[in-house]
Amino acid sequence: MKTGLILPSRRRYGENMLIFKECTCCKTPWYSREEFLGDSKLDFIGYQVNFSNLELGYFLFNHLVCQSTIAVPAGRFRDLYDGPIFSDRKTGSEDCPGYCLDRDALAPCSAQCECAYIREIMQILRNSPKGERQPAKRAQAGC
């Protein structure tokens, strides 16, 4: 059943234009995922895990213009990965390096774990081609 509800991540901008994401601080809009990932003023900084549903965890980006942090649900990037997805979670086991418990850890994970594909998407996000880059810096309160 269609309700006509527009989710915040697909908000309308202007007349009939949908946007991929809008900065909650300075209101900069990105009209597509490609535009978002190619923005040199965004710096990918990590993943905030949701073990109940990994795709509801958040990929975190610093917006260097206004120094805010932007969170995007991981599911919005799921189609970037087409490799294996393991069914068993290894979190806390001997095989687990614990990366998912550290939102700032950006390294890929070699464990055959249900969470490993998220780490692979993180590598894709980290290596997305950007325009002219500025040095990365941590976001600070400012909005």
C-alpha atoms as a PDB file:
ATOM      1  CA  MET A   1       0.000   0.000   0.000  1.00  0.00           C
ATOM      2  CA  LYS A   2       1.427   3.369  -1.028  1.00  0.00           C
ATOM      3  CA  THR A   3       1.017   6.065   1.619  1.00  0.00           C
ATOM      4  CA  GLY A   4       2.709   9.004  -0.096  1.00  0.00           C
ATOM      5  CA  LEU A   5       5.161   9.289   2.809  1.00  0.00           C
ATOM      6  CA  ILE A   6       8.592  10.534   1.747  1.00  0.00           C
ATOM      7  CA  LEU A   7      11.378   9.207   3.923  1.00  0.00           C
ATOM      8  CA  PRO A   8      13.942  11.762   5.130  1.00  0.00           C
ATOM      9  CA  SER A   9      16.702  10.146   3.048  1.00  0.00           C
ATOM     10  CA  ARG A  10      14.624  10.671  -0.139  1.00  0.00           C
ATOM     11  CA  ARG A  11      13.212  14.110   0.660  1.00  0.00           C
ATOM     12  CA  ARG A  12      11.919  16.318  -2.131  1.00  0.00           C
ATOM     13  CA  TYR A  13      13.943  19.384  -2.959  1.00  0.00           C
ATOM     14  CA  GLY A  14      12.479  22.170  -5.037  1.00  0.00           C
ATOM     15  CA  GLU A  15       9.655  21.238  -7.387  1.00  0.00           C
ATOM     16  CA  ASN A  16       9.936  17.523  -8.134  1.00  0.00           C
ATOM     17  CA  MET A  17      13.566  16.627  -7.412  1.00  0.00           C
ATOM     18  CA  LEU A  18      14.369  13.818  -5.001  1.00  0.00           C
ATOM     19  CA  ILE A  19      17.666  13.991  -3.172  1.00  0.00           C
ATOM     20  CA  PHE A  20      19.933  11.192  -1.959  1.00  0.00           C
ATOM     21  CA  LYS A  21      21.010  12.982   1.233  1.00  0.00           C
ATOM     22  CA  GLU A  22      20.948  16.439   2.793  1.00  0.00           C
ATOM     23  CA  CYS A  23      23.409  17.724   5.388  1.00  0.00           C
ATOM     24  CA  THR A  24      21.497  18.241   8.616  1.00  0.00           C
ATOM     25  CA  CYS A  25      23.758  21.156   9.532  1.00  0.00           C
ATOM     26  CA  CYS A  26      24.249  23.326   6.431  1.00  0.00           C
ATOM     27  CA  LYS A  27      21.454  21.790   4.284  1.00  0.00           C
ATOM     28  CA  THR A  28      23.746  20.982   1.330  1.00  0.00           C
ATOM     29  CA  PRO A  29      21.817  18.530  -0.889  1.00  0.00           C
ATOM     30  CA  TRP A  30      23.279  15.631  -2.874  1.00  0.00           C
ATOM     31  CA  TYR A  31      20.908  14.546  -5.627  1.00  0.00           C
ATOM     32  CA  SER A  32      22.435  11.125  -6.246  1.00  0.00           C
ATOM     33  CA  ARG A  33      24.614   8.581  -4.506  1.00  0.00           C
ATOM     34  CA  GLU A  34      27.265   9.132  -7.200  1.00  0.00           C
ATOM     35  CA  GLU A  35      27.337  12.866  -6.485  1.00  0.00           C
ATOM     36  CA  PHE A  36      27.555  12.154  -2.741  1.00  0.00           C
ATOM     37  CA  LEU A  37      30.416   9.663  -3.066  1.00  0.00           C
ATOM     38  CA  GLY A  38      32.305  11.899  -5.511  1.00  0.00           C
ATOM     39  CA  ASP A  39      32.168  14.986  -3.285  1.00  0.00           C
ATOM     40  CA  SER A  40      35.696  15.946  -2.217  1.00  0.00           C
ATOM     41  CA  LYS A  41      34.230  17.756   0.777  1.00  0.00           C
ATOM     42  CA  LEU A  42      32.976  14.485   2.286  1.00  0.00           C
ATOM     43  CA  ASP A  43      35.334  12.185   4.150  1.00  0.00           C
ATOM     44  CA  PHE A  44      34.291   8.610   4.960  1.00  0.00           C
ATOM     45  CA  ILE A  45      35.118   7.965   8.630  1.00  0.00           C
ATOM     46  CA  GLY A  46      33.459   4.723   9.742  1.00  0.00           C
ATOM     47  CA  TYR A  47      30.521   2.440  10.386  1.00  0.00           C
ATOM     48  CA  GLN A  48      28.169   2.378  13.363  1.00  0.00           C
ATOM     49  CA  VAL A  49      27.022  -1.234  13.625  1.00  0.00           C
ATOM     50  CA  ASN A  50      23.488  -2.535  14.150  1.00  0.00           C
ATOM     51  CA  PHE A  51      23.911  -6.264  14.839  1.00  0.00           C
ATOM     52  CA  SER A  52      20.154  -6.913  14.582  1.00  0.00           C
ATOM     53  CA  ASN A  53      20.179  -5.736  10.957  1.00  0.00           C
ATOM     54  CA  LEU A  54      23.561  -4.791   9.486  1.00  0.00           C
ATOM     55  CA  GLU A  55      21.972  -2.734   6.715  1.00  0.00           C
ATOM     56  CA  LEU A  56      20.370  -0.506   9.366  1.00  0.00           C
ATOM     57  CA  GLY A  57      23.827   0.363  10.707  1.00  0.00           C
ATOM     58  CA  TYR A  58      25.197   3.706   9.550  1.00  0.00           C
ATOM     59  CA  PHE A  59      28.110   4.655   7.347  1.00  0.00           C
ATOM     60  CA  LEU A  60      29.531   7.909   8.700  1.00  0.00           C
ATOM     61  CA  PHE A  61      30.933  10.791   6.680  1.00  0.00           C
ATOM     62  CA  ASN A  62      32.432  14.090   7.811  1.00  0.00           C
ATOM     63  CA  HIS A  63      31.206  17.103   5.841  1.00  0.00           C
ATOM     64  CA  LEU A  64      34.299  19.297   5.705  1.00  0.00           C
ATOM     65  CA  VAL A  65      32.320  22.422   4.770  1.00  0.00           C
ATOM     66  CA  CYS A  66      30.398  22.699   8.036  1.00  0.00           C
ATOM     67  CA  GLN A  67      32.295  20.159  10.154  1.00  0.00           C
ATOM     68  CA  SER A  68      29.228  17.975  10.780  1.00  0.00           C
ATOM     69  CA  THR A  69      28.966  14.195  10.597  1.00  0.00           C
ATOM     70  CA  ILE A  70      26.459  12.685   8.195  1.00  0.00           C
ATOM     71  CA  ALA A  71      25.044   9.199   8.798  1.00  0.00           C
ATOM     72  CA  VAL A  72      23.681   7.153   5.887  1.00  0.00           C
ATOM     73  CA  PRO A  73      22.010   3.749   6.416  1.00  0.00           C
ATOM     74  CA  ALA A  74      24.321   0.987   5.163  1.00  0.00           C
ATOM     75  CA  GLY A  75      21.506  -0.515   3.109  1.00  0.00           C
ATOM     76  CA  ARG A  76      21.696   2.467   0.744  1.00  0.00           C
ATOM     77  CA  PHE A  77      25.043   1.062  -0.479  1.00  0.00           C
ATOM     78  CA  ARG A  78      24.238  -2.682  -0.447  1.00  0.00           C
ATOM     79  CA  ASP A  79      24.174  -2.991  -4.240  1.00  0.00           C
ATOM     80  CA  LEU A  80      27.823  -1.866  -4.480  1.00  0.00           C
ATOM     81  CA  TYR A  81      28.924  -5.326  -3.256  1.00  0.00           C
ATOM     82  CA  ASP A  82      28.297  -8.519  -5.192  1.00  0.00           C
ATOM     83  CA  GLY A  83      30.529 -10.999  -3.354  1.00  0.00           C
ATOM     84  CA  PRO A  84      29.680 -13.689  -0.814  1.00  0.00           C
ATOM     85  CA  ILE A  85      27.642 -12.937   2.292  1.00  0.00           C
ATOM     86  CA  PHE A  86      28.253 -15.418   5.092  1.00  0.00           C
ATOM     87  CA  SER A  87      25.395 -16.507   7.332  1.00  0.00           C
ATOM     88  CA  ASP A  88      27.254 -16.975  10.643  1.00  0.00           C
ATOM     89  CA  ARG A  89      28.383 -14.056  12.768  1.00  0.00           C
ATOM     90  CA  LYS A  90      31.868 -14.461  14.275  1.00  0.00           C
ATOM     91  CA  THR A  91      31.727 -11.388  16.540  1.00  0.00           C
ATOM     92  CA  GLY A  92      33.589 -12.065  19.779  1.00  0.00           C
ATOM     93  CA  SER A  93      35.094 -15.334  18.534  1.00  0.00           C
ATOM     94  CA  GLU A  94      38.765 -16.169  18.113  1.00  0.00           C
ATOM     95  CA  ASP A  95      38.409 -15.468  14.371  1.00  0.00           C
ATOM     96  CA  CYS A  96      37.075 -11.947  14.941  1.00  0.00           C
ATOM     97  CA  PRO A  97      39.439  -8.950  14.978  1.00  0.00           C
ATOM     98  CA  GLY A  98      36.667  -6.832  16.575  1.00  0.00           C
ATOM     99  CA  TYR A  99      36.492  -4.197  13.850  1.00  0.00           C
ATOM    100  CA  CYS A 100      32.689  -3.951  13.970  1.00  0.00           C
ATOM    101  CA  LEU A 101      32.839  -2.956  17.621  1.00  0.00           C
ATOM    102  CA  ASP A 102      35.055   0.025  16.763  1.00  0.00           C
ATOM    103  CA  ARG A 103      33.185   2.468  14.534  1.00  0.00           C
ATOM    104  CA  ASP A 104      36.484   4.146  13.581  1.00  0.00           C
ATOM    105  CA  ALA A 105      38.129   0.916  12.363  1.00  0.00           C
ATOM    106  CA  LEU A 106      38.205   1.035   8.568  1.00  0.00           C
ATOM    107  CA  ALA A 107      40.225  -2.086   7.726  1.00  0.00           C
ATOM    108  CA  PRO A 108      38.733  -4.999   5.772  1.00  0.00           C
ATOM    109  CA  CYS A 109      37.981  -8.156   7.760  1.00  0.00           C
ATOM    110  CA  SER A 110      39.224 -11.584   6.701  1.00  0.00           C
ATOM    111  CA  ALA A 111      36.835 -13.545   8.948  1.00  0.00           C
ATOM    112  CA  GLN A 112      34.131 -15.510   7.149  1.00  0.00           C
ATOM    113  CA  CYS A 113      31.527 -13.615   9.111  1.00  0.00           C
ATOM    114  CA  GLU A 114      28.100 -12.245   8.314  1.00  0.00           C
ATOM    115  CA  CYS A 115      29.549  -8.754   8.962  1.00  0.00           C
ATOM    116  CA  ALA A 116      32.436  -9.106   6.478  1.00  0.00           C
ATOM    117  CA  TYR A 117      30.467  -7.800   3.490  1.00  0.00           C
ATOM    118  CA  ILE A 118      29.886  -4.500   5.303  1.00  0.00           C
ATOM    119  CA  ARG A 119      33.669  -4.203   5.642  1.00  0.00           C
ATOM    120  CA  GLU A 120      33.957  -4.782   1.881  1.00  0.00           C
ATOM    121  CA  ILE A 121      31.445  -1.997   1.181  1.00  0.00           C
ATOM    122  CA  MET A 122      33.533   0.231   3.453  1.00  0.00           C
ATOM    123  CA  GLN A 123      36.553  -0.373   1.208  1.00  0.00           C
ATOM    124  CA  ILE A 124      34.489   0.660  -1.816  1.00  0.00           C
ATOM    125  CA  LEU A 125      33.394   3.841  -0.009  1.00  0.00           C
ATOM    126  CA  ARG A 126      36.954   4.624   1.113  1.00  0.00           C
ATOM    127  CA  ASN A 127      38.273   4.251  -2.416  1.00  0.00           C
ATOM    128  CA  SER A 128      35.518   6.106  -4.275  1.00  0.00           C
ATOM    129  CA  PRO A 129      37.005   8.553  -6.779  1.00  0.00           C
ATOM    130  CA  LYS A 130      36.753  12.121  -5.512  1.00  0.00           C
ATOM    131  CA  GLY A 131      37.217  15.532  -6.988  1.00  0.00           C
ATOM    132  CA  GLU A 132      40.076  17.627  -5.624  1.00  0.00           C
ATOM    133  CA  ARG A 133      40.499  16.461  -2.015  1.00  0.00           C
ATOM    134  CA  GLN A 134      41.157  18.492   1.064  1.00  0.00           C
ATOM    135  CA  PRO A 135      43.005  17.032   4.068  1.00  0.00           C
ATOM    136  CA  ALA A 136      40.607  15.014   6.239  1.00  0.00           C
ATOM    137  CA  LYS A 137      39.741  16.403   9.642  1.00  0.00           C
ATOM    138  CA  ARG A 138      37.460  15.290  12.435  1.00  0.00           C
ATOM    139  CA  ALA A 139      34.103  17.000  12.632  1.00  0.00           C
ATOM    140  CA  GLN A 140      33.594  19.381  15.520  1.00  0.00           C
ATOM    141  CA  ALA A 141      30.401  20.711  16.996  1.00  0.00           C
ATOM    142  CA  GLY A 142      29.319  23.744  15.057  1.00  0.00           C
ATOM    143  CA  CYS A 143      25.674  23.431  14.093  1.00  0.00           C
END
